[in-house]
Amino acid sequence: ILNSRAKLPRYFFLKSDQDFSIQGGELIYERNGLCVIEMKERKMEV
């Protein structure tokens, strides 16, 4: 969750040993288990 002052998009590393889907964001890169996520809305759920 981002506050109202924060700017979009925001970015994150994601390491997960489970399958996942994303709401409010997008998977933009994956290699050897390391993912990069672009957050497009102020609330994102993995």
All heavy atoms as atom14 arrays in JSON, in Angstrom:
{
  "sequence": "ILNSRAKLPRYFFLKSDQDFSIQGGELIYERNGLCVIEMKERKMEV",
  "atom14_mask": [
    [1, 1, 1, 1, 1, 1, 1, 1, 0, 0, 0, 0, 0, 0],
    [1, 1, 1, 1, 1, 1, 1, 1, 0, 0, 0, 0, 0, 0],
    [1, 1, 1, 1, 1, 1, 1, 1, 0, 0, 0, 0, 0, 0],
    [1, 1, 1, 1, 1, 1, 0, 0, 0, 0, 0, 0, 0, 0],
    [1, 1, 1, 1, 1, 1, 1, 1, 1, 1, 1, 0, 0, 0],
    [1, 1, 1, 1, 1, 0, 0, 0, 0, 0, 0, 0, 0, 0],
    [1, 1, 1, 1, 1, 1, 1, 1, 1, 0, 0, 0, 0, 0],
    [1, 1, 1, 1, 1, 1, 1, 1, 0, 0, 0, 0, 0, 0],
    [1, 1, 1, 1, 1, 1, 1, 0, 0, 0, 0, 0, 0, 0],
    [1, 1, 1, 1, 1, 1, 1, 1, 1, 1, 1, 0, 0, 0],
    [1, 1, 1, 1, 1, 1, 1, 1, 1, 1, 1, 1, 0, 0],
    [1, 1, 1, 1, 1, 1, 1, 1, 1, 1, 1, 0, 0, 0],
    [1, 1, 1, 1, 1, 1, 1, 1, 1, 1, 1, 0, 0, 0],
    [1, 1, 1, 1, 1, 1, 1, 1, 0, 0, 0, 0, 0, 0],
    [1, 1, 1, 1, 1, 1, 1, 1, 1, 0, 0, 0, 0, 0],
    [1, 1, 1, 1, 1, 1, 0, 0, 0, 0, 0, 0, 0, 0],
    [1, 1, 1, 1, 1, 1, 1, 1, 0, 0, 0, 0, 0, 0],
    [1, 1, 1, 1, 1, 1, 1, 1, 1, 0, 0, 0, 0, 0],
    [1, 1, 1, 1, 1, 1, 1, 1, 0, 0, 0, 0, 0, 0],
    [1, 1, 1, 1, 1, 1, 1, 1, 1, 1, 1, 0, 0, 0],
    [1, 1, 1, 1, 1, 1, 0, 0, 0, 0, 0, 0, 0, 0],
    [1, 1, 1, 1, 1, 1, 1, 1, 0, 0, 0, 0, 0, 0],
    [1, 1, 1, 1, 1, 1, 1, 1, 1, 0, 0, 0, 0, 0],
    [1, 1, 1, 1, 0, 0, 0, 0, 0, 0, 0, 0, 0, 0],
    [1, 1, 1, 1, 0, 0, 0, 0, 0, 0, 0, 0, 0, 0],
    [1, 1, 1, 1, 1, 1, 1, 1, 1, 0, 0, 0, 0, 0],
    [1, 1, 1, 1, 1, 1, 1, 1, 0, 0, 0, 0, 0, 0],
    [1, 1, 1, 1, 1, 1, 1, 1, 0, 0, 0, 0, 0, 0],
    [1, 1, 1, 1, 1, 1, 1, 1, 1, 1, 1, 1, 0, 0],
    [1, 1, 1, 1, 1, 1, 1, 1, 1, 0, 0, 0, 0, 0],
    [1, 1, 1, 1, 1, 1, 1, 1, 1, 1, 1, 0, 0, 0],
    [1, 1, 1, 1, 1, 1, 1, 1, 0, 0, 0, 0, 0, 0],
    [1, 1, 1, 1, 0, 0, 0, 0, 0, 0, 0, 0, 0, 0],
    [1, 1, 1, 1, 1, 1, 1, 1, 0, 0, 0, 0, 0, 0],
    [1, 1, 1, 1, 1, 1, 0, 0, 0, 0, 0, 0, 0, 0],
    [1, 1, 1, 1, 1, 1, 1, 0, 0, 0, 0, 0, 0, 0],
    [1, 1, 1, 1, 1, 1, 1, 1, 0, 0, 0, 0, 0, 0],
    [1, 1, 1, 1, 1, 1, 1, 1, 1, 0, 0, 0, 0, 0],
    [1, 1, 1, 1, 1, 1, 1, 1, 0, 0, 0, 0, 0, 0],
    [1, 1, 1, 1, 1, 1, 1, 1, 1, 0, 0, 0, 0, 0],
    [1, 1, 1, 1, 1, 1, 1, 1, 1, 0, 0, 0, 0, 0],
    [1, 1, 1, 1, 1, 1, 1, 1, 1, 1, 1, 0, 0, 0],
    [1, 1, 1, 1, 1, 1, 1, 1, 1, 0, 0, 0, 0, 0],
    [1, 1, 1, 1, 1, 1, 1, 1, 0, 0, 0, 0, 0, 0],
    [1, 1, 1, 1, 1, 1, 1, 1, 1, 0, 0, 0, 0, 0],
    [1, 1, 1, 1, 1, 1, 1, 0, 0, 0, 0, 0, 0, 0]
  ],
  "atom14_positions": [
    [[0.84, -1.19, 0.0], [0.0, 0.0, 0.0], [0.88, 1.25, 0.0], [1.85, 1.34, 0.76], [-0.92, 0.02, 1.24], [-1.79, -1.25, 1.27], [-1.81, 1.26, 1.25], [-2.52, -1.47, 2.57], [0.0, 0.0, 0.0], [0.0, 0.0, 0.0], [0.0, 0.0, 0.0], [0.0, 0.0, 0.0], [0.0, 0.0, 0.0], [0.0, 0.0, 0.0]],
    [[0.53, 2.21, -0.85], [1.23, 3.49, -0.91], [0.3, 4.6, -0.43], [-0.91, 4.55, -0.65], [1.66, 3.8, -2.35], [2.82, 2.98, -2.91], [2.96, 3.25, -4.41], [4.12, 3.3, -2.2], [0.0, 0.0, 0.0], [0.0, 0.0, 0.0], [0.0, 0.0, 0.0], [0.0, 0.0, 0.0], [0.0, 0.0, 0.0], [0.0, 0.0, 0.0]],
    [[0.89, 5.62, 0.2], [0.07, 6.75, 0.62], [-0.26, 7.64, -0.58], [0.26, 7.45, -1.69], [0.76, 7.55, 1.73], [2.06, 8.18, 1.28], [2.16, 8.75, 0.2], [3.09, 8.11, 2.13], [0.0, 0.0, 0.0], [0.0, 0.0, 0.0], [0.0, 0.0, 0.0], [0.0, 0.0, 0.0], [0.0, 0.0, 0.0], [0.0, 0.0, 0.0]],
    [[-1.13, 8.61, -0.36], [-1.63, 9.44, -1.46], [-0.56, 10.35, -2.05], [-0.71, 10.84, -3.17], [-2.81, 10.29, -0.97], [-2.4, 11.13, 0.1], [0.0, 0.0, 0.0], [0.0, 0.0, 0.0], [0.0, 0.0, 0.0], [0.0, 0.0, 0.0], [0.0, 0.0, 0.0], [0.0, 0.0, 0.0], [0.0, 0.0, 0.0], [0.0, 0.0, 0.0]],
    [[0.54, 10.57, -1.33], [1.61, 11.44, -1.83], [2.57, 10.7, -2.74], [3.32, 11.32, -3.51], [2.4, 12.05, -0.66], [1.58, 12.92, 0.27], [2.44, 13.52, 1.36], [3.14, 12.49, 2.12], [2.61, 11.8, 3.13], [1.36, 12.04, 3.49], [3.31, 10.89, 3.78], [0.0, 0.0, 0.0], [0.0, 0.0, 0.0], [0.0, 0.0, 0.0]],
    [[2.6, 9.38, -2.64], [3.56, 8.58, -3.4], [3.25, 8.61, -4.89], [2.1, 8.74, -5.3], [3.55, 7.14, -2.89], [0.0, 0.0, 0.0], [0.0, 0.0, 0.0], [0.0, 0.0, 0.0], [0.0, 0.0, 0.0], [0.0, 0.0, 0.0], [0.0, 0.0, 0.0], [0.0, 0.0, 0.0], [0.0, 0.0, 0.0], [0.0, 0.0, 0.0]],
    [[4.29, 8.49, -5.69], [4.14, 8.51, -7.13], [4.15, 7.09, -7.69], [4.77, 6.19, -7.14], [5.27, 9.33, -7.77], [5.26, 10.8, -7.33], [6.38, 11.58, -7.97], [6.35, 13.04, -7.53], [7.44, 13.84, -8.14], [0.0, 0.0, 0.0], [0.0, 0.0, 0.0], [0.0, 0.0, 0.0], [0.0, 0.0, 0.0], [0.0, 0.0, 0.0]],
    [[3.44, 6.93, -8.78], [3.38, 5.66, -9.48], [4.05, 5.82, -10.85], [4.05, 6.89, -11.42], [1.93, 5.21, -9.64], [1.21, 4.8, -8.36], [-0.28, 4.6, -8.62], [1.81, 3.51, -7.79], [0.0, 0.0, 0.0], [0.0, 0.0, 0.0], [0.0, 0.0, 0.0], [0.0, 0.0, 0.0], [0.0, 0.0, 0.0], [0.0, 0.0, 0.0]],
    [[4.63, 4.72, -11.37], [4.69, 3.38, -10.77], [5.81, 3.27, -9.74], [6.71, 4.11, -9.7], [4.97, 2.49, -11.98], [5.76, 3.37, -12.91], [5.2, 4.75, -12.74], [0.0, 0.0, 0.0], [0.0, 0.0, 0.0], [0.0, 0.0, 0.0], [0.0, 0.0, 0.0], [0.0, 0.0, 0.0], [0.0, 0.0, 0.0], [0.0, 0.0, 0.0]],
    [[5.74, 2.23, -8.92], [6.82, 1.86, -8.0], [7.25, 0.44, -8.32], [6.49, -0.33, -8.92], [6.35, 1.96, -6.55], [6.07, 3.38, -6.1], [7.35, 4.19, -5.9], [8.03, 3.83, -4.68], [7.85, 4.42, -3.5], [6.98, 5.4, -3.39], [8.52, 4.05, -2.44], [0.0, 0.0, 0.0], [0.0, 0.0, 0.0], [0.0, 0.0, 0.0]],
    [[8.45, 0.06, -7.87], [9.03, -1.21, -8.29], [9.52, -2.01, -7.08], [9.92, -1.45, -6.06], [10.16, -0.97, -9.28], [9.68, -0.34, -10.57], [9.53, 1.04, -10.67], [9.32, -1.13, -11.65], [9.06, 1.62, -11.84], [8.85, -0.57, -12.83], [8.72, 0.81, -12.91], [8.23, 1.37, -14.06], [0.0, 0.0, 0.0], [0.0, 0.0, 0.0]],
    [[9.5, -3.36, -7.26], [9.85, -4.26, -6.16], [10.54, -5.51, -6.71], [10.22, -5.99, -7.8], [8.58, -4.7, -5.41], [7.8, -3.58, -4.83], [6.89, -2.87, -5.6], [7.97, -3.2, -3.51], [6.16, -1.81, -5.08], [7.25, -2.14, -2.98], [6.35, -1.45, -3.77], [0.0, 0.0, 0.0], [0.0, 0.0, 0.0], [0.0, 0.0, 0.0]],
    [[11.49, -6.03, -5.92], [11.93, -7.41, -6.1], [10.89, -8.31, -5.45], [10.35, -7.99, -4.38], [13.27, -7.66, -5.4], [14.47, -7.11, -6.11], [15.53, -6.57, -5.39], [14.58, -7.16, -7.5], [16.66, -6.07, -6.03], [15.7, -6.66, -8.15], [16.74, -6.11, -7.4], [0.0, 0.0, 0.0], [0.0, 0.0, 0.0], [0.0, 0.0, 0.0]],
    [[10.62, -9.44, -6.06], [9.76, -10.46, -5.46], [10.46, -11.79, -5.56], [10.85, -12.21, -6.65], [8.4, -10.53, -6.16], [7.53, -11.75, -5.81], [7.11, -11.71, -4.34], [6.31, -11.85, -6.7], [0.0, 0.0, 0.0], [0.0, 0.0, 0.0], [0.0, 0.0, 0.0], [0.0, 0.0, 0.0], [0.0, 0.0, 0.0], [0.0, 0.0, 0.0]],
    [[10.64, -12.45, -4.42], [11.13, -13.82, -4.39], [10.02, -14.66, -3.77], [9.6, -14.4, -2.64], [12.4, -13.92, -3.55], [12.79, -15.34, -3.15], [13.26, -16.17, -4.32], [13.38, -17.65, -3.93], [14.13, -17.89, -2.71], [0.0, 0.0, 0.0], [0.0, 0.0, 0.0], [0.0, 0.0, 0.0], [0.0, 0.0, 0.0], [0.0, 0.0, 0.0]],
    [[9.53, -15.64, -4.5], [8.45, -16.48, -4.0], [8.69, -17.92, -4.4], [9.04, -18.21, -5.54], [7.09, -16.01, -4.57], [6.05, -16.89, -4.18], [0.0, 0.0, 0.0], [0.0, 0.0, 0.0], [0.0, 0.0, 0.0], [0.0, 0.0, 0.0], [0.0, 0.0, 0.0], [0.0, 0.0, 0.0], [0.0, 0.0, 0.0], [0.0, 0.0, 0.0]],
    [[8.51, -18.82, -3.42], [8.6, -20.25, -3.72], [7.23, -20.83, -4.01], [7.05, -22.04, -4.03], [9.28, -21.0, -2.58], [8.61, -20.76, -1.23], [7.53, -20.11, -1.21], [9.16, -21.19, -0.21], [0.0, 0.0, 0.0], [0.0, 0.0, 0.0], [0.0, 0.0, 0.0], [0.0, 0.0, 0.0], [0.0, 0.0, 0.0], [0.0, 0.0, 0.0]],
    [[6.23, -19.95, -4.21], [4.88, -20.37, -4.56], [4.45, -19.69, -5.85], [4.97, -18.65, -6.23], [3.88, -19.97, -3.45], [4.25, -20.41, -2.06], [3.26, -19.88, -1.04], [2.05, -20.01, -1.19], [3.77, -19.28, 0.03], [0.0, 0.0, 0.0], [0.0, 0.0, 0.0], [0.0, 0.0, 0.0], [0.0, 0.0, 0.0], [0.0, 0.0, 0.0]],
    [[3.47, -20.29, -6.52], [2.85, -19.61, -7.66], [2.09, -18.4, -7.15], [1.6, -18.38, -6.01], [1.89, -20.56, -8.38], [2.61, -21.7, -9.07], [3.8, -21.53, -9.41], [1.99, -22.76, -9.26], [0.0, 0.0, 0.0], [0.0, 0.0, 0.0], [0.0, 0.0, 0.0], [0.0, 0.0, 0.0], [0.0, 0.0, 0.0], [0.0, 0.0, 0.0]],
    [[1.99, -17.38, -7.97], [1.31, -16.16, -7.53], [0.68, -15.46, -8.72], [1.01, -15.71, -9.88], [2.29, -15.21, -6.83], [3.4, -14.72, -7.71], [3.24, -13.58, -8.49], [4.61, -15.4, -7.78], [4.25, -13.13, -9.31], [5.63, -14.96, -8.61], [5.46, -13.82, -9.38], [0.0, 0.0, 0.0], [0.0, 0.0, 0.0], [0.0, 0.0, 0.0]],
    [[-0.24, -14.57, -8.41], [-0.79, -13.64, -9.39], [-0.78, -12.26, -8.75], [-0.62, -12.13, -7.53], [-2.21, -14.04, -9.81], [-3.08, -14.04, -8.69], [0.0, 0.0, 0.0], [0.0, 0.0, 0.0], [0.0, 0.0, 0.0], [0.0, 0.0, 0.0], [0.0, 0.0, 0.0], [0.0, 0.0, 0.0], [0.0, 0.0, 0.0], [0.0, 0.0, 0.0]],
    [[-0.94, -11.22, -9.56], [-0.82, -9.85, -9.07], [-2.05, -9.04, -9.45], [-2.52, -9.11, -10.6], [0.44, -9.17, -9.65], [1.69, -9.99, -9.33], [0.59, -7.76, -9.11], [2.93, -9.51, -10.06], [0.0, 0.0, 0.0], [0.0, 0.0, 0.0], [0.0, 0.0, 0.0], [0.0, 0.0, 0.0], [0.0, 0.0, 0.0], [0.0, 0.0, 0.0]],
    [[-2.56, -8.3, -8.51], [-3.61, -7.32, -8.77], [-3.09, -5.94, -8.41], [-2.53, -5.74, -7.34], [-4.87, -7.63, -7.94], [-5.57, -8.92, -8.35], [-6.82, -9.18, -7.55], [-7.15, -8.44, -6.63], [-7.53, -10.25, -7.89], [0.0, 0.0, 0.0], [0.0, 0.0, 0.0], [0.0, 0.0, 0.0], [0.0, 0.0, 0.0], [0.0, 0.0, 0.0]],
    [[-3.27, -4.98, -9.32], [-2.77, -3.63, -9.09], [-1.33, -3.44, -9.5], [-0.71, -2.41, -9.23], [0.0, 0.0, 0.0], [0.0, 0.0, 0.0], [0.0, 0.0, 0.0], [0.0, 0.0, 0.0], [0.0, 0.0, 0.0], [0.0, 0.0, 0.0], [0.0, 0.0, 0.0], [0.0, 0.0, 0.0], [0.0, 0.0, 0.0], [0.0, 0.0, 0.0]],
    [[-0.76, -4.44, -10.17], [0.62, -4.38, -10.63], [0.86, -5.37, -11.73], [-0.04, -6.08, -12.18], [0.0, 0.0, 0.0], [0.0, 0.0, 0.0], [0.0, 0.0, 0.0], [0.0, 0.0, 0.0], [0.0, 0.0, 0.0], [0.0, 0.0, 0.0], [0.0, 0.0, 0.0], [0.0, 0.0, 0.0], [0.0, 0.0, 0.0], [0.0, 0.0, 0.0]],
    [[2.13, -5.46, -12.16], [2.46, -6.33, -13.29], [3.86, -6.9, -13.11], [4.78, -6.21, -12.66], [2.39, -5.52, -14.59], [2.73, -6.3, -15.83], [2.74, -5.44, -17.08], [2.49, -4.21, -16.97], [3.01, -5.98, -18.17], [0.0, 0.0, 0.0], [0.0, 0.0, 0.0], [0.0, 0.0, 0.0], [0.0, 0.0, 0.0], [0.0, 0.0, 0.0]],
    [[4.0, -8.17, -13.44], [5.32, -8.8, -13.47], [6.03, -8.36, -14.74], [5.54, -8.61, -15.85], [5.17, -10.33, -13.45], [6.46, -11.14, -13.58], [7.35, -10.95, -12.37], [6.14, -12.62, -13.77], [0.0, 0.0, 0.0], [0.0, 0.0, 0.0], [0.0, 0.0, 0.0], [0.0, 0.0, 0.0], [0.0, 0.0, 0.0], [0.0, 0.0, 0.0]],
    [[7.17, -7.68, -14.61], [7.86, -7.18, -15.8], [9.16, -7.93, -16.09], [9.76, -7.74, -17.15], [8.15, -5.67, -15.69], [9.09, -5.36, -14.52], [6.85, -4.89, -15.58], [9.54, -3.91, -14.49], [0.0, 0.0, 0.0], [0.0, 0.0, 0.0], [0.0, 0.0, 0.0], [0.0, 0.0, 0.0], [0.0, 0.0, 0.0], [0.0, 0.0, 0.0]],
    [[9.58, -8.8, -15.15], [10.84, -9.53, -15.37], [10.88, -10.72, -14.43], [10.42, -10.64, -13.29], [12.04, -8.62, -15.1], [13.38, -9.31, -15.25], [13.96, -9.49, -16.5], [14.07, -9.76, -14.13], [15.19, -10.12, -16.64], [15.31, -10.38, -14.26], [15.86, -10.55, -15.51], [17.08, -11.18, -15.65], [0.0, 0.0, 0.0], [0.0, 0.0, 0.0]],
    [[11.43, -11.83, -14.94], [11.63, -13.02, -14.09], [12.82, -13.79, -14.63], [12.95, -14.02, -15.83], [10.39, -13.9, -14.08], [10.44, -15.02, -13.04], [11.25, -16.24, -13.47], [11.27, -16.53, -14.69], [11.88, -16.89, -12.61], [0.0, 0.0, 0.0], [0.0, 0.0, 0.0], [0.0, 0.0, 0.0], [0.0, 0.0, 0.0], [0.0, 0.0, 0.0]],
    [[13.72, -14.15, -13.72], [14.88, -14.95, -14.11], [15.41, -15.68, -12.89], [15.72, -15.07, -11.87], [15.97, -14.05, -14.71], [17.21, -14.81, -15.18], [18.09, -13.89, -16.02], [19.33, -14.55, -16.4], [20.5, -14.34, -15.81], [20.57, -13.48, -14.81], [21.59, -14.97, -16.19], [0.0, 0.0, 0.0], [0.0, 0.0, 0.0], [0.0, 0.0, 0.0]],
    [[15.46, -16.98, -13.01], [16.01, -17.83, -11.94], [15.35, -17.59, -10.6], [16.0, -17.62, -9.55], [17.53, -17.62, -11.81], [18.28, -18.04, -13.06], [17.78, -18.85, -13.84], [19.46, -17.48, -13.26], [0.0, 0.0, 0.0], [0.0, 0.0, 0.0], [0.0, 0.0, 0.0], [0.0, 0.0, 0.0], [0.0, 0.0, 0.0], [0.0, 0.0, 0.0]],
    [[14.03, -17.35, -10.62], [13.3, -17.2, -9.37], [13.22, -15.8, -8.83], [12.5, -15.54, -7.87], [0.0, 0.0, 0.0], [0.0, 0.0, 0.0], [0.0, 0.0, 0.0], [0.0, 0.0, 0.0], [0.0, 0.0, 0.0], [0.0, 0.0, 0.0], [0.0, 0.0, 0.0], [0.0, 0.0, 0.0], [0.0, 0.0, 0.0], [0.0, 0.0, 0.0]],
    [[13.96, -14.84, -9.44], [13.88, -13.45, -9.01], [12.95, -12.7, -9.95], [13.14, -12.73, -11.17], [15.24, -12.77, -9.0], [15.23, -11.3, -8.57], [14.82, -11.16, -7.11], [16.59, -10.65, -8.8], [0.0, 0.0, 0.0], [0.0, 0.0, 0.0], [0.0, 0.0, 0.0], [0.0, 0.0, 0.0], [0.0, 0.0, 0.0], [0.0, 0.0, 0.0]],
    [[11.96, -12.03, -9.39], [10.99, -11.29, -10.19], [11.11, -9.79, -9.9], [11.48, -9.4, -8.8], [9.57, -11.75, -9.87], [9.29, -13.52, -10.13], [0.0, 0.0, 0.0], [0.0, 0.0, 0.0], [0.0, 0.0, 0.0], [0.0, 0.0, 0.0], [0.0, 0.0, 0.0], [0.0, 0.0, 0.0], [0.0, 0.0, 0.0], [0.0, 0.0, 0.0]],
    [[10.78, -9.0, -10.89], [10.64, -7.55, -10.71], [9.2, -7.2, -11.01], [8.66, -7.57, -12.06], [11.6, -6.77, -11.62], [11.38, -5.26, -11.45], [13.05, -7.13, -11.31], [0.0, 0.0, 0.0], [0.0, 0.0, 0.0], [0.0, 0.0, 0.0], [0.0, 0.0, 0.0], [0.0, 0.0, 0.0], [0.0, 0.0, 0.0], [0.0, 0.0, 0.0]],
    [[8.57, -6.48, -10.08], [7.15, -6.13, -10.2], [7.02, -4.62, -10.35], [7.68, -3.85, -9.63], [6.36, -6.59, -8.97], [6.34, -8.12, -8.89], [4.94, -6.06, -9.0], [5.66, -8.63, -7.66], [0.0, 0.0, 0.0], [0.0, 0.0, 0.0], [0.0, 0.0, 0.0], [0.0, 0.0, 0.0], [0.0, 0.0, 0.0], [0.0, 0.0, 0.0]],
    [[6.17, -4.2, -11.25], [5.8, -2.8, -11.38], [4.44, -2.59, -10.73], [3.46, -3.22, -11.1], [5.73, -2.4, -12.85], [5.38, -0.94, -13.07], [5.31, -0.58, -14.54], [4.31, -0.94, -15.2], [6.25, 0.05, -15.03], [0.0, 0.0, 0.0], [0.0, 0.0, 0.0], [0.0, 0.0, 0.0], [0.0, 0.0, 0.0], [0.0, 0.0, 0.0]],
    [[4.4, -1.73, -9.72], [3.16, -1.42, -9.02], [2.48, -0.25, -9.73], [3.04, 0.83, -9.85], [3.46, -1.06, -7.56], [2.25, -0.78, -6.71], [2.76, -0.41, -5.0], [1.16, -0.24, -4.2], [0.0, 0.0, 0.0], [0.0, 0.0, 0.0], [0.0, 0.0, 0.0], [0.0, 0.0, 0.0], [0.0, 0.0, 0.0], [0.0, 0.0, 0.0]],
    [[1.23, -0.46, -10.18], [0.54, 0.53, -10.99], [-0.59, 1.23, -10.25], [-1.08, 2.27, -10.7], [0.0, -0.12, -12.26], [1.1, -0.65, -13.18], [0.52, -1.2, -14.46], [1.62, -1.58, -15.43], [1.09, -2.07, -16.72], [0.0, 0.0, 0.0], [0.0, 0.0, 0.0], [0.0, 0.0, 0.0], [0.0, 0.0, 0.0], [0.0, 0.0, 0.0]],
    [[-1.04, 0.66, -9.15], [-2.11, 1.26, -8.36], [-1.63, 1.41, -6.92], [-0.67, 0.75, -6.5], [-3.37, 0.39, -8.42], [-3.92, 0.21, -9.83], [-5.1, -0.75, -9.87], [-5.64, -1.08, -8.79], [-5.47, -1.19, -10.97], [0.0, 0.0, 0.0], [0.0, 0.0, 0.0], [0.0, 0.0, 0.0], [0.0, 0.0, 0.0], [0.0, 0.0, 0.0]],
    [[-2.31, 2.24, -6.15], [-1.83, 2.52, -4.79], [-1.98, 1.34, -3.84], [-1.35, 1.31, -2.8], [-2.53, 3.75, -4.22], [-2.22, 4.98, -5.03], [-2.51, 6.26, -4.3], [-2.19, 7.38, -5.17], [-0.96, 7.86, -5.36], [0.05, 7.31, -4.72], [-0.76, 8.87, -6.18], [0.0, 0.0, 0.0], [0.0, 0.0, 0.0], [0.0, 0.0, 0.0]],
    [[-2.81, 0.39, -4.2], [-2.87, -0.85, -3.45], [-2.62, -2.0, -4.42], [-3.32, -2.13, -5.43], [-4.23, -1.04, -2.76], [-4.29, -2.33, -1.95], [-5.6, -2.47, -1.19], [-5.6, -3.77, -0.39], [-6.87, -3.96, 0.37], [0.0, 0.0, 0.0], [0.0, 0.0, 0.0], [0.0, 0.0, 0.0], [0.0, 0.0, 0.0], [0.0, 0.0, 0.0]],
    [[-1.63, -2.79, -4.12], [-1.29, -3.95, -4.93], [-1.36, -5.19, -4.06], [-0.97, -5.17, -2.9], [0.11, -3.8, -5.52], [0.56, -4.96, -6.39], [2.17, -4.65, -7.18], [3.28, -4.77, -5.75], [0.0, 0.0, 0.0], [0.0, 0.0, 0.0], [0.0, 0.0, 0.0], [0.0, 0.0, 0.0], [0.0, 0.0, 0.0], [0.0, 0.0, 0.0]],
    [[-1.88, -6.29, -4.62], [-1.93, -7.56, -3.91], [-1.19, -8.62, -4.71], [-1.4, -8.75, -5.92], [-3.38, -8.01, -3.69], [-4.11, -7.21, -2.64], [-5.45, -7.81, -2.27], [-6.02, -8.54, -3.11], [-5.92, -7.56, -1.15], [0.0, 0.0, 0.0], [0.0, 0.0, 0.0], [0.0, 0.0, 0.0], [0.0, 0.0, 0.0], [0.0, 0.0, 0.0]],
    [[-0.31, -9.32, -4.02], [0.32, -10.51, -4.58], [-0.43, -11.7, -4.0], [-0.34, -11.98, -2.8], [1.81, -10.58, -4.23], [2.44, -11.85, -4.8], [2.54, -9.35, -4.74], [0.0, 0.0, 0.0], [0.0, 0.0, 0.0], [0.0, 0.0, 0.0], [0.0, 0.0, 0.0], [0.0, 0.0, 0.0], [0.0, 0.0, 0.0], [0.0, 0.0, 0.0]]
  ]
}
